[in-house]
C-alpha atoms as a PDB file:
ATOM      1  CA  MET A   1      -0.841  -1.187 -18.335  1.00  0.00           C
ATOM      2  CA  ALA A   2       0.782   0.767 -15.365  1.00  0.00           C
ATOM      3  CA  LEU A   3      -0.628   0.270 -11.653  1.00  0.00           C
ATOM      4  CA  THR A   4      -1.647   4.025 -11.824  1.00  0.00           C
ATOM      5  CA  THR A   5      -3.251   3.713 -14.515  1.00  0.00           C
ATOM      6  CA  ILE A   6      -4.919   0.704 -13.747  1.00  0.00           C
ATOM      7  CA  VAL A   7      -6.535   2.378 -10.349  1.00  0.00           C
ATOM      8  CA  LEU A   8      -7.233   5.649 -12.020  1.00  0.00           C
ATOM      9  CA  VAL A   9      -9.227   3.534 -14.701  1.00  0.00           C
ATOM     10  CA  LYS A  10     -11.076   1.918 -11.808  1.00  0.00           C
ATOM     11  CA  MET A  11     -11.832   4.828  -9.606  1.00  0.00           C
ATOM     12  CA  GLY A  12     -12.748   6.491 -13.049  1.00  0.00           C
ATOM     13  CA  ALA A  13     -15.182   3.856 -13.931  1.00  0.00           C
ATOM     14  CA  GLY A  14     -17.009   3.866 -10.434  1.00  0.00           C
ATOM     15  CA  PHE A  15     -17.582   7.673 -10.201  1.00  0.00           C
ATOM     16  CA  LEU A  16     -19.192   7.450 -13.703  1.00  0.00           C
ATOM     17  CA  LYS A  17     -21.400   4.206 -12.771  1.00  0.00           C
ATOM     18  CA  LYS A  18     -22.382   6.443  -9.788  1.00  0.00           C
ATOM     19  CA  LEU A  19     -22.964   9.354 -10.800  1.00  0.00           C
ATOM     20  CA  ALA A  20     -24.009   9.003 -13.878  1.00  0.00           C
ATOM     21  CA  GLY A  21     -26.041   5.815 -13.339  1.00  0.00           C
ATOM     22  CA  ASN A  22     -28.079   3.854 -16.527  1.00  0.00           C
ATOM     23  CA  GLN A  23     -26.761   7.260 -18.864  1.00  0.00           C
ATOM     24  CA  PHE A  24     -23.687   5.286 -19.641  1.00  0.00           C
ATOM     25  CA  GLU A  25     -22.302   1.033 -19.942  1.00  0.00           C
ATOM     26  CA  VAL A  26     -18.803   0.690 -18.568  1.00  0.00           C
ATOM     27  CA  LEU A  27     -17.592  -2.193 -20.889  1.00  0.00           C
ATOM     28  CA  ASN A  28     -14.084  -2.401 -19.465  1.00  0.00           C
ATOM     29  CA  GLU A  29     -12.575  -1.211 -16.609  1.00  0.00           C
ATOM     30  CA  ALA A  30      -9.135  -1.838 -17.661  1.00  0.00           C
ATOM     31  CA  LEU A  31      -7.276  -5.195 -16.221  1.00  0.00           C
ATOM     32  CA  GLU A  32      -7.994  -7.631 -13.610  1.00  0.00           C
ATOM     33  CA  ALA A  33      -5.408  -6.362 -10.624  1.00  0.00           C
ATOM     34  CA  HIS A  34      -5.151  -8.122  -7.470  1.00  0.00           C
ATOM     35  CA  GLY A  35      -3.922  -6.391  -3.841  1.00  0.00           C
ATOM     36  CA  LEU A  36      -5.331  -2.780  -4.597  1.00  0.00           C
ATOM     37  CA  ASN A  37      -6.735  -2.403  -1.201  1.00  0.00           C
ATOM     38  CA  PRO A  38      -6.075   1.205  -0.698  1.00  0.00           C
ATOM     39  CA  PRO A  39      -7.552   2.323  -4.161  1.00  0.00           C
ATOM     40  CA  VAL A  40     -10.980   0.429  -2.799  1.00  0.00           C
ATOM     41  CA  GLN A  41     -10.593   1.619   0.700  1.00  0.00           C
ATOM     42  CA  VAL A  42     -10.820   4.926  -0.754  1.00  0.00           C
ATOM     43  CA  MET A  43     -13.839   4.386  -3.033  1.00  0.00           C
ATOM     44  CA  SER A  44     -15.487   2.546  -0.223  1.00  0.00           C
ATOM     45  CA  GLU A  45     -15.608   5.991   1.927  1.00  0.00           C
ATOM     46  CA  THR A  46     -17.565   7.956  -1.185  1.00  0.00           C
ATOM     47  CA  ASN A  47     -19.799   4.731  -1.301  1.00  0.00           C
ATOM     48  CA  ILE A  48     -18.707   3.418  -4.384  1.00  0.00           C
ATOM     49  CA  ASP A  49     -17.459   0.056  -4.794  1.00  0.00           C
ATOM     50  CA  ILE A  50     -14.862  -0.711  -7.853  1.00  0.00           C
END
């Protein structure tokens, strides 16, 4: 899976969890990737933890 896809999937899952609450269950956010600090930082600015 491309690094860009991993980042977008994790960000999308973060937004879904934040906006939909418990209406949906995110089962798999993508492969675990290390060193993705910029996306984590961007999402933390919106108060969403990925």
